Amino acid sequence: MESRLDYASASPEGLKAMLGLERFLQGCGLEKSLIELVKTRASQINGCAYCIHMHTADARAAGETEARLYLLSAWRESPLYSDRERAALAWTEALTLVSETGAPDADYDLVVAAFSPAERANLTLLIGVINVWNRIAIGFRAVHPVGANDTALAS
């Protein structure tokens, strides 16, 4: 796969704005592990290889376990996630698929039970931002890094 556009060069001010929001979200009080789970799950739903690669690596670097990363797409069937994480993941799925879900009250009620109003706002911003990044990466065909240990290289 070949990249379509170097969006950072094409819109440096746009990238600067996105990175500013990222900096805010990294310091907003949400747990680093939760942030990376949300980013990874939204990226799985959207099929963004670039972002899945990035956020699973970031999650591992922050101490996330392999088992929780492997089971993330089936989080509802796994006991490895806390109630707070489950609420965030349900809200992530609801908002990432908002045209299908309509952001159901049941999912929002889970978020209300687990997050303060400021945390709910920041979680929703986080979900919105990763969905924008996914659309940028997919739309412009961003290619994730390939290391020496990656065996199946497509031509």
Protein backbone atom coordinates (compact mmCIF):
# COMPACT_ATOMS: atom_id res chain seq x y z
CA MET A 1 0.00 0.00 0.00
CA GLU A 2 1.24 3.45 -0.85
CA SER A 3 0.49 6.61 1.10
CA ARG A 4 -1.74 9.13 -0.70
CA LEU A 5 -0.72 12.34 1.03
CA ASP A 6 1.66 13.64 3.69
CA TYR A 7 -1.09 15.42 5.61
CA ALA A 8 1.38 16.89 8.11
CA SER A 9 3.12 18.80 5.32
CA ALA A 10 -0.11 19.62 3.52
CA SER A 11 -1.76 21.14 6.62
CA PRO A 12 0.77 21.92 9.35
CA GLU A 13 -1.68 24.16 11.21
CA GLY A 14 -4.35 21.45 11.13
CA LEU A 15 -1.87 18.94 12.50
CA LYS A 16 -0.82 21.44 15.18
CA ALA A 17 -4.46 21.81 16.27
CA MET A 18 -4.95 18.04 16.42
CA LEU A 19 -1.75 17.60 18.43
CA GLY A 20 -2.86 20.33 20.83
CA LEU A 21 -6.04 18.40 21.54
CA GLU A 22 -3.98 15.23 21.98
CA ARG A 23 -1.77 16.99 24.55
CA PHE A 24 -4.86 18.14 26.43
CA LEU A 25 -6.33 14.64 26.46
CA GLN A 26 -3.08 13.06 27.68
CA GLY A 27 -3.20 15.35 30.72
CA CYS A 28 -6.97 15.49 31.31
CA GLY A 29 -6.98 12.94 34.13
CA LEU A 30 -8.16 9.86 32.26
CA GLU A 31 -5.93 6.87 32.90
CA LYS A 32 -3.27 6.20 30.24
CA SER A 33 -4.38 2.57 30.03
CA LEU A 34 -7.99 3.63 29.44
CA ILE A 35 -6.96 6.14 26.78
CA GLU A 36 -5.04 3.47 24.86
CA LEU A 37 -7.84 0.89 25.17
CA VAL A 38 -10.33 3.42 23.78
CA LYS A 39 -8.01 4.42 20.94
CA THR A 40 -7.29 0.80 20.06
CA ARG A 41 -10.95 -0.27 20.17
CA ALA A 42 -12.14 2.60 17.96
CA SER A 43 -9.30 1.85 15.55
CA GLN A 44 -10.31 -1.84 15.44
CA ILE A 45 -13.89 -0.89 14.60
CA ASN A 46 -12.73 1.50 11.90
CA GLY A 47 -10.15 -0.95 10.52
CA CYS A 48 -7.24 1.47 10.90
CA ALA A 49 -4.06 -0.64 10.81
CA TYR A 50 -1.82 2.39 11.33
CA CYS A 51 -3.61 3.42 14.54
CA ILE A 52 -4.00 -0.15 15.84
CA HIS A 53 -0.26 -0.62 15.40
CA MET A 54 0.50 2.67 17.18
CA HIS A 55 -1.90 2.34 20.09
CA THR A 56 -1.20 -1.29 20.90
CA ALA A 57 2.50 -0.40 21.02
CA ASP A 58 1.74 2.62 23.22
CA ALA A 59 -0.46 0.47 25.46
CA ARG A 60 2.29 -2.14 25.86
CA ALA A 61 4.82 0.58 26.66
CA ALA A 62 2.45 1.85 29.36
CA GLY A 63 2.24 -1.64 30.90
CA GLU A 64 -0.85 -3.07 29.22
CA THR A 65 -0.95 -6.87 29.06
CA GLU A 66 -0.95 -8.89 25.87
CA ALA A 67 -4.06 -10.78 26.97
CA ARG A 68 -6.12 -7.60 27.39
CA LEU A 69 -4.97 -6.34 23.99
CA TYR A 70 -5.76 -9.67 22.31
CA LEU A 71 -9.20 -9.82 23.89
CA LEU A 72 -10.16 -6.20 23.33
CA SER A 73 -12.41 -6.90 20.35
CA ALA A 74 -14.32 -9.36 22.59
CA TRP A 75 -14.24 -7.29 25.78
CA ARG A 76 -17.90 -7.99 26.57
CA GLU A 77 -17.10 -11.70 26.96
CA SER A 78 -13.94 -11.25 29.03
CA PRO A 79 -13.61 -10.69 32.79
CA LEU A 80 -10.31 -8.81 32.28
CA TYR A 81 -11.86 -5.32 32.08
CA SER A 82 -13.11 -3.17 34.96
CA ASP A 83 -16.59 -1.65 35.12
CA ARG A 84 -15.07 1.73 34.28
CA GLU A 85 -13.27 0.28 31.25
CA ARG A 86 -16.45 -1.51 30.16
CA ALA A 87 -18.40 1.74 30.32
CA ALA A 88 -15.72 3.52 28.28
CA LEU A 89 -15.58 0.74 25.70
CA ALA A 90 -19.37 0.63 25.35
CA TRP A 91 -19.40 4.42 24.85
CA THR A 92 -16.52 4.12 22.37
CA GLU A 93 -18.45 1.60 20.31
CA ALA A 94 -21.67 3.62 20.54
CA LEU A 95 -20.04 6.84 19.34
CA THR A 96 -17.75 5.25 16.75
CA LEU A 97 -20.83 3.60 15.23
CA VAL A 98 -23.17 6.51 16.04
CA SER A 99 -25.04 6.33 12.73
CA GLU A 100 -26.05 2.78 13.67
CA THR A 101 -26.44 3.11 17.44
CA GLY A 102 -27.76 6.62 18.04
CA ALA A 103 -25.70 6.68 21.27
CA PRO A 104 -28.13 4.62 23.37
CA ASP A 105 -29.23 5.71 26.84
CA ALA A 106 -28.09 2.37 28.28
CA ASP A 107 -24.50 3.03 27.18
CA TYR A 108 -24.61 6.60 28.42
CA ASP A 109 -25.98 5.42 31.78
CA LEU A 110 -22.91 3.18 32.17
CA VAL A 111 -20.66 6.19 31.54
CA VAL A 112 -22.61 8.32 34.04
CA ALA A 113 -22.13 5.65 36.71
CA ALA A 114 -18.36 5.42 36.13
CA PHE A 115 -17.21 8.93 35.13
CA SER A 116 -17.61 12.46 36.47
CA PRO A 117 -19.15 15.08 34.15
CA ALA A 118 -15.69 16.40 33.19
CA GLU A 119 -14.44 12.86 32.58
CA ARG A 120 -17.49 12.12 30.40
CA ALA A 121 -16.76 15.21 28.33
CA ASN A 122 -13.07 14.30 28.01
CA LEU A 123 -13.85 10.67 27.18
CA THR A 124 -16.21 11.84 24.43
CA LEU A 125 -13.53 14.20 23.09
CA LEU A 126 -11.06 11.30 23.13
CA ILE A 127 -13.43 9.11 21.14
CA GLY A 128 -14.03 11.91 18.64
CA VAL A 129 -10.32 12.59 18.21
CA ILE A 130 -9.34 8.96 17.59
CA ASN A 131 -12.11 8.70 15.02
CA VAL A 132 -10.67 11.77 13.23
CA TRP A 133 -7.17 10.26 13.34
CA ASN A 134 -8.58 6.99 11.94
CA ARG A 135 -10.19 8.85 9.06
CA ILE A 136 -6.98 10.74 8.32
CA ALA A 137 -4.86 7.58 8.41
CA ILE A 138 -7.29 5.49 6.37
CA GLY A 139 -8.17 8.25 3.92
CA PHE A 140 -4.56 9.12 3.15
CA ARG A 141 -3.41 5.47 3.40
CA ALA A 142 -0.91 5.98 6.20
CA VAL A 143 1.34 2.93 6.40
CA HIS A 144 2.38 1.68 9.82
CA PRO A 145 6.04 0.89 10.45
CA VAL A 146 7.21 -2.60 9.53
CA GLY A 147 9.97 -4.11 11.64
CA ALA A 148 12.46 -6.87 11.09
CA ASN A 149 10.27 -9.28 13.08
CA ASP A 150 7.24 -8.73 10.85
CA THR A 151 7.16 -11.73 8.54
CA ALA A 152 4.38 -11.33 6.00
CA LEU A 153 5.31 -8.36 3.87
CA ALA A 154 2.88 -7.54 1.08
CA SER A 155 4.28 -6.10 -2.10
